[in-house]
């Protein structure tokens, strides 16, 4: 029974991060759009949060559980799986414009692509809950939750909000209803609670792989930031002075600074 309760808690944590993606669509209930400048800053914010969470959260905790070599192997595996998944999906790059008119086959492909992006974040949540119920955590609803789990859940939830905004922008240009913007934003992160449960179950009962799990999640997320988030921000900022680089750098700095204090709680 305790196992089921733990799995439900981890799933709920992953679901909360997915629901946070829907918050990125809320500005469209009040405004017609978001400027390129603000959009670049949001991508920078998301990048800074993920880099900070990966470095100060996952890698640091991984080093406390294992050796630098184990973390490095895990990071390489995380990068390798993302690259392989992209290859399997033929580097399919699903444009959010296609969401609204997608048939079943298209939805399956969309979900596959979103899994590549969201699953590693779910894994990060899952491995951060590895010490669930053990000493040294914080009490919540009768559970002893690891501080790292709180840190990662907050970090990924904040990071998901700009992603929800980015998904909503092209859909809004198609006059998609506001409530549908929220739905599609949340849909894009649904692999996260699934990945969280799978990762938690694996590292909880095969703890010798825990350092590799931390490395895997960190490597995959850092790779996604460098190959997806940053290039996307620079692409949006092409028409801005200096290519939007100051806005991107500022967003990254703010994102990192927001998460650094949590790393020392």
C-alpha atoms as a PDB file:
ATOM      1  CA  UNK A   1       0.000   0.000   0.000  1.00  0.00           C
ATOM      2  CA  UNK A   2       2.883   2.346   0.823  1.00  0.00           C
ATOM      3  CA  UNK A   3       4.304   1.766  -2.663  1.00  0.00           C
ATOM      4  CA  UNK A   4       1.016   2.741  -4.283  1.00  0.00           C
ATOM      5  CA  UNK A   5       0.780   5.879  -2.151  1.00  0.00           C
ATOM      6  CA  UNK A   6       4.337   6.858  -3.061  1.00  0.00           C
ATOM      7  CA  UNK A   7       3.694   6.290  -6.765  1.00  0.00           C
ATOM      8  CA  UNK A   8       0.527   8.384  -6.589  1.00  0.00           C
ATOM      9  CA  UNK A   9       2.418  11.220  -4.869  1.00  0.00           C
ATOM     10  CA  UNK A  10       5.171  11.181  -7.504  1.00  0.00           C
ATOM     11  CA  UNK A  11       2.560  11.089 -10.285  1.00  0.00           C
ATOM     12  CA  UNK A  12       0.753  14.082  -8.735  1.00  0.00           C
ATOM     13  CA  UNK A  13       4.044  16.009  -8.546  1.00  0.00           C
ATOM     14  CA  UNK A  14       4.652  15.315 -12.236  1.00  0.00           C
ATOM     15  CA  UNK A  15       1.071  16.248 -13.047  1.00  0.00           C
ATOM     16  CA  UNK A  16       1.449  19.560 -11.233  1.00  0.00           C
ATOM     17  CA  UNK A  17       4.423  20.448 -13.430  1.00  0.00           C
ATOM     18  CA  UNK A  18       2.361  19.548 -16.495  1.00  0.00           C
ATOM     19  CA  UNK A  19      -0.547  21.701 -15.323  1.00  0.00           C
ATOM     20  CA  UNK A  20       1.889  24.575 -14.789  1.00  0.00           C
ATOM     21  CA  UNK A  21       2.455  24.558 -18.558  1.00  0.00           C
ATOM     22  CA  UNK A  22      -1.156  25.648 -18.930  1.00  0.00           C
ATOM     23  CA  UNK A  23      -0.367  28.812 -16.982  1.00  0.00           C
ATOM     24  CA  UNK A  24       1.677  29.929 -19.976  1.00  0.00           C
ATOM     25  CA  UNK A  25      -1.557  30.327 -21.945  1.00  0.00           C
ATOM     26  CA  UNK A  26      -3.262  32.574 -19.377  1.00  0.00           C
ATOM     27  CA  UNK A  27      -1.814  35.870 -20.692  1.00  0.00           C
ATOM     28  CA  UNK A  28      -3.825  35.330 -23.885  1.00  0.00           C
ATOM     29  CA  UNK A  29      -7.036  35.662 -21.871  1.00  0.00           C
ATOM     30  CA  UNK A  30      -6.057  39.307 -21.313  1.00  0.00           C
ATOM     31  CA  UNK A  31      -3.711  40.269 -24.169  1.00  0.00           C
ATOM     32  CA  UNK A  32      -3.689  39.661 -27.913  1.00  0.00           C
ATOM     33  CA  UNK A  33      -0.075  38.543 -28.027  1.00  0.00           C
ATOM     34  CA  UNK A  34       3.406  38.660 -26.540  1.00  0.00           C
ATOM     35  CA  UNK A  35       6.237  40.667 -28.051  1.00  0.00           C
ATOM     36  CA  UNK A  36       9.336  38.988 -29.453  1.00  0.00           C
ATOM     37  CA  UNK A  37      11.430  40.700 -26.793  1.00  0.00           C
ATOM     38  CA  UNK A  38       9.391  39.232 -23.942  1.00  0.00           C
ATOM     39  CA  UNK A  39       9.275  35.858 -25.650  1.00  0.00           C
ATOM     40  CA  UNK A  40      13.070  35.744 -25.879  1.00  0.00           C
ATOM     41  CA  UNK A  41      13.324  36.676 -22.202  1.00  0.00           C
ATOM     42  CA  UNK A  42      10.897  33.866 -21.328  1.00  0.00           C
ATOM     43  CA  UNK A  43      12.988  31.310 -23.246  1.00  0.00           C
ATOM     44  CA  UNK A  44      16.066  32.618 -21.466  1.00  0.00           C
ATOM     45  CA  UNK A  45      14.282  32.302 -18.133  1.00  0.00           C
ATOM     46  CA  UNK A  46      13.356  28.696 -18.877  1.00  0.00           C
ATOM     47  CA  UNK A  47      16.934  27.956 -19.955  1.00  0.00           C
ATOM     48  CA  UNK A  48      18.429  29.493 -16.817  1.00  0.00           C
ATOM     49  CA  UNK A  49      16.079  27.544 -14.576  1.00  0.00           C
ATOM     50  CA  UNK A  50      16.877  24.229 -16.253  1.00  0.00           C
ATOM     51  CA  UNK A  51      20.631  24.815 -16.250  1.00  0.00           C
ATOM     52  CA  UNK A  52      20.535  25.831 -12.601  1.00  0.00           C
ATOM     53  CA  UNK A  53      18.304  22.920 -11.579  1.00  0.00           C
ATOM     54  CA  UNK A  54      20.503  20.460 -13.472  1.00  0.00           C
ATOM     55  CA  UNK A  55      23.757  21.783 -12.016  1.00  0.00           C
ATOM     56  CA  UNK A  56      22.837  22.684  -8.434  1.00  0.00           C
ATOM     57  CA  UNK A  57      20.183  20.019  -8.038  1.00  0.00           C
ATOM     58  CA  UNK A  58      20.721  16.874 -10.073  1.00  0.00           C
ATOM     59  CA  UNK A  59      24.482  16.862 -10.632  1.00  0.00           C
ATOM     60  CA  UNK A  60      25.249  17.977  -7.087  1.00  0.00           C
ATOM     61  CA  UNK A  61      22.957  15.337  -5.586  1.00  0.00           C
ATOM     62  CA  UNK A  62      24.323  12.740  -7.962  1.00  0.00           C
ATOM     63  CA  UNK A  63      27.869  13.414  -6.785  1.00  0.00           C
ATOM     64  CA  UNK A  64      26.686  12.842  -3.220  1.00  0.00           C
ATOM     65  CA  UNK A  65      25.384   9.414  -4.263  1.00  0.00           C
ATOM     66  CA  UNK A  66      28.085   8.260  -6.672  1.00  0.00           C
ATOM     67  CA  UNK A  67      31.278   9.060  -8.540  1.00  0.00           C
ATOM     68  CA  UNK A  68      31.906  11.705 -11.234  1.00  0.00           C
ATOM     69  CA  UNK A  69      32.358   8.860 -13.731  1.00  0.00           C
ATOM     70  CA  UNK A  70      28.896   7.473 -12.950  1.00  0.00           C
ATOM     71  CA  UNK A  71      27.358  10.921 -13.350  1.00  0.00           C
ATOM     72  CA  UNK A  72      29.204  11.417 -16.644  1.00  0.00           C
ATOM     73  CA  UNK A  73      28.018   8.053 -17.968  1.00  0.00           C
ATOM     74  CA  UNK A  74      24.456   8.931 -16.984  1.00  0.00           C
ATOM     75  CA  UNK A  75      24.703  12.320 -18.697  1.00  0.00           C
ATOM     76  CA  UNK A  76      25.994  10.734 -21.909  1.00  0.00           C
ATOM     77  CA  UNK A  77      23.131   8.238 -21.791  1.00  0.00           C
ATOM     78  CA  UNK A  78      20.628  11.080 -21.365  1.00  0.00           C
ATOM     79  CA  UNK A  79      22.022  12.970 -24.343  1.00  0.00           C
ATOM     80  CA  UNK A  80      22.240   9.784 -26.395  1.00  0.00           C
ATOM     81  CA  UNK A  81      18.618   8.828 -25.756  1.00  0.00           C
ATOM     82  CA  UNK A  82      17.345  12.279 -26.783  1.00  0.00           C
ATOM     83  CA  UNK A  83      19.433  12.178 -29.977  1.00  0.00           C
ATOM     84  CA  UNK A  84      18.305   8.621 -30.734  1.00  0.00           C
ATOM     85  CA  UNK A  85      14.674   9.472 -30.098  1.00  0.00           C
ATOM     86  CA  UNK A  86      14.912  12.375 -32.540  1.00  0.00           C
ATOM     87  CA  UNK A  87      16.424  10.043 -35.139  1.00  0.00           C
ATOM     88  CA  UNK A  88      13.708   7.440 -34.622  1.00  0.00           C
ATOM     89  CA  UNK A  89      11.109  10.141 -35.118  1.00  0.00           C
ATOM     90  CA  UNK A  90      12.974  11.212 -38.274  1.00  0.00           C
ATOM     91  CA  UNK A  91      13.775  14.557 -36.647  1.00  0.00           C
ATOM     92  CA  UNK A  92      10.081  15.359 -36.810  1.00  0.00           C
ATOM     93  CA  UNK A  93       9.585  18.942 -35.728  1.00  0.00           C
ATOM     94  CA  UNK A  94       5.914  19.384 -34.969  1.00  0.00           C
ATOM     95  CA  UNK A  95       4.655  22.883 -35.536  1.00  0.00           C
ATOM     96  CA  UNK A  96       2.000  23.857 -32.940  1.00  0.00           C
ATOM     97  CA  UNK A  97      -0.022  25.158 -35.888  1.00  0.00           C
ATOM     98  CA  UNK A  98      -0.725  21.497 -36.666  1.00  0.00           C
ATOM     99  CA  UNK A  99      -2.135  20.684 -33.221  1.00  0.00           C
ATOM    100  CA  UNK A 100      -5.616  21.999 -33.826  1.00  0.00           C
ATOM    101  CA  UNK A 101      -6.243  20.014 -37.013  1.00  0.00           C
ATOM    102  CA  UNK A 102      -4.386  16.847 -36.035  1.00  0.00           C
ATOM    103  CA  UNK A 103      -5.949  13.457 -36.716  1.00  0.00           C
ATOM    104  CA  UNK A 104      -5.213  10.398 -34.542  1.00  0.00           C
ATOM    105  CA  UNK A 105      -1.976   9.462 -36.344  1.00  0.00           C
ATOM    106  CA  UNK A 106      -0.744  13.028 -36.161  1.00  0.00           C
ATOM    107  CA  UNK A 107      -1.556  13.161 -32.443  1.00  0.00           C
ATOM    108  CA  UNK A 108       0.487  10.006 -31.887  1.00  0.00           C
ATOM    109  CA  UNK A 109       3.447  11.603 -33.662  1.00  0.00           C
ATOM    110  CA  UNK A 110       2.988  14.842 -31.737  1.00  0.00           C
ATOM    111  CA  UNK A 111       2.905  12.937 -28.456  1.00  0.00           C
ATOM    112  CA  UNK A 112       6.055  11.088 -29.491  1.00  0.00           C
ATOM    113  CA  UNK A 113       7.912  14.330 -30.152  1.00  0.00           C
ATOM    114  CA  UNK A 114       6.640  15.883 -26.945  1.00  0.00           C
ATOM    115  CA  UNK A 115       7.775  12.800 -25.031  1.00  0.00           C
ATOM    116  CA  UNK A 116      11.332  13.414 -26.251  1.00  0.00           C
ATOM    117  CA  UNK A 117      11.168  16.905 -24.777  1.00  0.00           C
ATOM    118  CA  UNK A 118       9.107  16.327 -21.628  1.00  0.00           C
ATOM    119  CA  UNK A 119      10.082  12.813 -20.531  1.00  0.00           C
ATOM    120  CA  UNK A 120      13.573  13.786 -19.272  1.00  0.00           C
ATOM    121  CA  UNK A 121      11.968  16.416 -17.062  1.00  0.00           C
ATOM    122  CA  UNK A 122       9.669  13.738 -15.676  1.00  0.00           C
ATOM    123  CA  UNK A 123      12.706  11.547 -15.037  1.00  0.00           C
ATOM    124  CA  UNK A 124      14.284  14.431 -13.117  1.00  0.00           C
ATOM    125  CA  UNK A 125      11.239  14.618 -10.875  1.00  0.00           C
ATOM    126  CA  UNK A 126      11.174  10.856 -10.383  1.00  0.00           C
ATOM    127  CA  UNK A 127      14.825  10.487  -9.360  1.00  0.00           C
ATOM    128  CA  UNK A 128      14.540  13.510  -7.060  1.00  0.00           C
ATOM    129  CA  UNK A 129      11.910  11.577  -5.072  1.00  0.00           C
ATOM    130  CA  UNK A 130      14.237   8.576  -4.569  1.00  0.00           C
ATOM    131  CA  UNK A 131      14.572   9.280  -0.825  1.00  0.00           C
ATOM    132  CA  UNK A 132      10.825   9.699  -0.328  1.00  0.00           C
ATOM    133  CA  UNK A 133       9.867   8.654   3.195  1.00  0.00           C
ATOM    134  CA  UNK A 134      13.432   8.634   4.499  1.00  0.00           C
ATOM    135  CA  UNK A 135      14.913  10.953   7.110  1.00  0.00           C
ATOM    136  CA  UNK A 136      16.055  14.444   6.202  1.00  0.00           C
ATOM    137  CA  UNK A 137      13.044  15.531   4.183  1.00  0.00           C
ATOM    138  CA  UNK A 138      10.183  17.925   4.807  1.00  0.00           C
ATOM    139  CA  UNK A 139       6.793  16.793   6.132  1.00  0.00           C
ATOM    140  CA  UNK A 140       3.780  17.241   3.854  1.00  0.00           C
ATOM    141  CA  UNK A 141       0.423  15.447   4.062  1.00  0.00           C
ATOM    142  CA  UNK A 142       1.996  12.659   6.083  1.00  0.00           C
ATOM    143  CA  UNK A 143       4.861  12.147   3.632  1.00  0.00           C
ATOM    144  CA  UNK A 144       8.537  12.875   4.263  1.00  0.00           C
ATOM    145  CA  UNK A 145       9.474  14.527   0.972  1.00  0.00           C
ATOM    146  CA  UNK A 146      13.129  15.069  -0.014  1.00  0.00           C
ATOM    147  CA  UNK A 147      14.100  18.737  -0.288  1.00  0.00           C
ATOM    148  CA  UNK A 148      15.537  17.975  -3.733  1.00  0.00           C
ATOM    149  CA  UNK A 149      12.095  16.779  -4.862  1.00  0.00           C
ATOM    150  CA  UNK A 150      10.547  20.084  -3.786  1.00  0.00           C
ATOM    151  CA  UNK A 151      13.347  21.952  -5.556  1.00  0.00           C
ATOM    152  CA  UNK A 152      12.943  20.043  -8.834  1.00  0.00           C
ATOM    153  CA  UNK A 153       9.146  20.197  -8.838  1.00  0.00           C
ATOM    154  CA  UNK A 154       9.218  23.979  -8.361  1.00  0.00           C
ATOM    155  CA  UNK A 155      12.005  24.428 -10.924  1.00  0.00           C
ATOM    156  CA  UNK A 156      10.319  22.411 -13.661  1.00  0.00           C
ATOM    157  CA  UNK A 157       6.924  23.989 -12.939  1.00  0.00           C
ATOM    158  CA  UNK A 158       8.385  27.496 -13.380  1.00  0.00           C
ATOM    159  CA  UNK A 159      10.276  26.346 -16.473  1.00  0.00           C
ATOM    160  CA  UNK A 160       7.088  24.926 -18.018  1.00  0.00           C
ATOM    161  CA  UNK A 161       5.241  28.253 -17.964  1.00  0.00           C
ATOM    162  CA  UNK A 162       7.296  29.878 -20.780  1.00  0.00           C
ATOM    163  CA  UNK A 163       6.979  26.618 -22.734  1.00  0.00           C
ATOM    164  CA  UNK A 164       3.215  26.904 -22.459  1.00  0.00           C
ATOM    165  CA  UNK A 165       3.423  30.464 -23.745  1.00  0.00           C
ATOM    166  CA  UNK A 166       5.581  29.410 -26.702  1.00  0.00           C
ATOM    167  CA  UNK A 167       3.101  26.695 -27.639  1.00  0.00           C
ATOM    168  CA  UNK A 168       0.168  29.090 -27.361  1.00  0.00           C
ATOM    169  CA  UNK A 169       1.566  31.871 -29.566  1.00  0.00           C
ATOM    170  CA  UNK A 170       1.094  30.175 -32.974  1.00  0.00           C
ATOM    171  CA  UNK A 171      -2.226  28.669 -31.912  1.00  0.00           C
ATOM    172  CA  UNK A 172      -3.465  32.105 -30.868  1.00  0.00           C
ATOM    173  CA  UNK A 173      -2.626  33.404 -34.342  1.00  0.00           C
ATOM    174  CA  UNK A 174      -5.098  30.802 -35.655  1.00  0.00           C
ATOM    175  CA  UNK A 175      -7.821  32.209 -33.385  1.00  0.00           C
ATOM    176  CA  UNK A 176      -7.885  29.015 -31.335  1.00  0.00           C
ATOM    177  CA  UNK A 177     -10.134  29.390 -28.281  1.00  0.00           C
ATOM    178  CA  UNK A 178      -8.339  30.406 -25.091  1.00  0.00           C
ATOM    179  CA  UNK A 179      -9.408  27.315 -23.163  1.00  0.00           C
ATOM    180  CA  UNK A 180      -7.952  25.167 -25.962  1.00  0.00           C
ATOM    181  CA  UNK A 181      -4.653  27.016 -25.619  1.00  0.00           C
ATOM    182  CA  UNK A 182      -4.541  25.873 -21.999  1.00  0.00           C
ATOM    183  CA  UNK A 183      -5.389  22.286 -22.995  1.00  0.00           C
ATOM    184  CA  UNK A 184      -2.704  22.042 -25.687  1.00  0.00           C
ATOM    185  CA  UNK A 185      -0.129  23.577 -23.373  1.00  0.00           C
ATOM    186  CA  UNK A 186      -0.875  20.989 -20.670  1.00  0.00           C
ATOM    187  CA  UNK A 187      -0.993  18.220 -23.293  1.00  0.00           C
ATOM    188  CA  UNK A 188       2.570  19.058 -24.311  1.00  0.00           C
ATOM    189  CA  UNK A 189       3.821  18.129 -20.819  1.00  0.00           C
ATOM    190  CA  UNK A 190       1.720  15.020 -20.139  1.00  0.00           C
ATOM    191  CA  UNK A 191       4.753  12.702 -20.522  1.00  0.00           C
ATOM    192  CA  UNK A 192       6.212  14.266 -17.367  1.00  0.00           C
ATOM    193  CA  UNK A 193       4.071  12.480 -14.729  1.00  0.00           C
ATOM    194  CA  UNK A 194       4.554   9.205 -16.612  1.00  0.00           C
ATOM    195  CA  UNK A 195       8.322   9.657 -16.736  1.00  0.00           C
ATOM    196  CA  UNK A 196       8.331  10.627 -13.058  1.00  0.00           C
ATOM    197  CA  UNK A 197       6.613   7.406 -11.968  1.00  0.00           C
ATOM    198  CA  UNK A 198       8.817   5.181 -14.144  1.00  0.00           C
ATOM    199  CA  UNK A 199      12.038   6.829 -12.948  1.00  0.00           C
ATOM    200  CA  UNK A 200      10.987   6.787  -9.293  1.00  0.00           C
ATOM    201  CA  UNK A 201      10.083   3.104  -9.389  1.00  0.00           C
ATOM    202  CA  UNK A 202      13.374   2.236 -11.073  1.00  0.00           C
ATOM    203  CA  UNK A 203      15.831   4.131  -8.858  1.00  0.00           C
ATOM    204  CA  UNK A 204      13.891   3.466  -5.661  1.00  0.00           C
ATOM    205  CA  UNK A 205      14.338  -0.287  -6.015  1.00  0.00           C
ATOM    206  CA  UNK A 206      17.641  -0.297  -7.889  1.00  0.00           C
ATOM    207  CA  UNK A 207      19.471   2.381  -5.903  1.00  0.00           C
ATOM    208  CA  UNK A 208      22.832   1.429  -7.351  1.00  0.00           C
ATOM    209  CA  UNK A 209      21.602   3.140 -10.530  1.00  0.00           C
ATOM    210  CA  UNK A 210      20.588   6.346  -8.725  1.00  0.00           C
ATOM    211  CA  UNK A 211      23.766   8.313  -9.656  1.00  0.00           C
ATOM    212  CA  UNK A 212      23.244   7.320 -13.288  1.00  0.00           C
ATOM    213  CA  UNK A 213      19.625   8.469 -13.015  1.00  0.00           C
ATOM    214  CA  UNK A 214      20.647  11.895 -11.765  1.00  0.00           C
ATOM    215  CA  UNK A 215      23.208  12.161 -14.544  1.00  0.00           C
ATOM    216  CA  UNK A 216      20.713  10.981 -17.174  1.00  0.00           C
ATOM    217  CA  UNK A 217      18.143  13.634 -16.276  1.00  0.00           C
ATOM    218  CA  UNK A 218      20.766  16.393 -16.040  1.00  0.00           C
ATOM    219  CA  UNK A 219      22.411  15.470 -19.347  1.00  0.00           C
ATOM    220  CA  UNK A 220      19.136  15.278 -21.242  1.00  0.00           C
ATOM    221  CA  UNK A 221      17.870  18.605 -19.917  1.00  0.00           C
ATOM    222  CA  UNK A 222      21.135  20.471 -20.481  1.00  0.00           C
ATOM    223  CA  UNK A 223      21.272  19.093 -24.021  1.00  0.00           C
ATOM    224  CA  UNK A 224      17.701  20.235 -24.699  1.00  0.00           C
ATOM    225  CA  UNK A 225      18.511  23.726 -23.406  1.00  0.00           C
ATOM    226  CA  UNK A 226      21.584  24.055 -25.634  1.00  0.00           C
ATOM    227  CA  UNK A 227      20.044  22.532 -28.778  1.00  0.00           C
ATOM    228  CA  UNK A 228      16.390  23.583 -28.493  1.00  0.00           C
ATOM    229  CA  UNK A 229      15.728  26.442 -26.080  1.00  0.00           C
ATOM    230  CA  UNK A 230      18.651  28.733 -26.858  1.00  0.00           C
ATOM    231  CA  UNK A 231      18.402  28.330 -30.671  1.00  0.00           C
ATOM    232  CA  UNK A 232      14.634  28.944 -30.469  1.00  0.00           C
ATOM    233  CA  UNK A 233      15.191  32.139 -28.503  1.00  0.00           C
ATOM    234  CA  UNK A 234      17.833  33.368 -30.959  1.00  0.00           C
ATOM    235  CA  UNK A 235      15.532  32.572 -33.874  1.00  0.00           C
ATOM    236  CA  UNK A 236      12.727  34.627 -32.329  1.00  0.00           C
ATOM    237  CA  UNK A 237      15.122  37.456 -31.516  1.00  0.00           C
ATOM    238  CA  UNK A 238      16.545  37.826 -35.036  1.00  0.00           C
ATOM    239  CA  UNK A 239      14.629  41.064 -35.608  1.00  0.00           C
ATOM    240  CA  UNK A 240      15.651  42.566 -32.270  1.00  0.00           C
ATOM    241  CA  UNK A 241      18.765  44.716 -31.759  1.00  0.00           C
ATOM    242  CA  UNK A 242      21.863  42.511 -31.447  1.00  0.00           C
ATOM    243  CA  UNK A 243      19.725  39.513 -32.307  1.00  0.00           C
ATOM    244  CA  UNK A 244      18.004  39.412 -28.937  1.00  0.00           C
ATOM    245  CA  UNK A 245      21.173  38.179 -27.220  1.00  0.00           C
ATOM    246  CA  UNK A 246      21.000  40.702 -24.345  1.00  0.00           C
ATOM    247  CA  UNK A 247      17.407  39.648 -23.617  1.00  0.00           C
ATOM    248  CA  UNK A 248      18.367  35.966 -23.759  1.00  0.00           C
ATOM    249  CA  UNK A 249      21.373  36.466 -21.476  1.00  0.00           C
ATOM    250  CA  UNK A 250      19.277  38.471 -19.047  1.00  0.00           C
ATOM    251  CA  UNK A 251      16.591  35.791 -18.958  1.00  0.00           C
ATOM    252  CA  UNK A 252      19.156  33.056 -18.344  1.00  0.00           C
ATOM    253  CA  UNK A 253      20.735  35.058 -15.522  1.00  0.00           C
ATOM    254  CA  UNK A 254      17.384  35.717 -13.834  1.00  0.00           C
ATOM    255  CA  UNK A 255      16.348  32.068 -14.218  1.00  0.00           C
ATOM    256  CA  UNK A 256      19.579  30.867 -12.634  1.00  0.00           C
ATOM    257  CA  UNK A 257      19.374  33.399  -9.803  1.00  0.00           C
ATOM    258  CA  UNK A 258      15.773  32.440  -9.041  1.00  0.00           C
ATOM    259  CA  UNK A 259      16.749  28.796  -8.462  1.00  0.00           C
ATOM    260  CA  UNK A 260      20.144  29.230  -6.754  1.00  0.00           C
ATOM    261  CA  UNK A 261      18.679  30.077  -3.305  1.00  0.00           C
ATOM    262  CA  UNK A 262      16.519  26.929  -3.398  1.00  0.00           C
ATOM    263  CA  UNK A 263      19.632  24.850  -4.003  1.00  0.00           C
ATOM    264  CA  UNK A 264      20.949  25.783  -0.557  1.00  0.00           C
ATOM    265  CA  UNK A 265      17.723  25.208   1.386  1.00  0.00           C
END
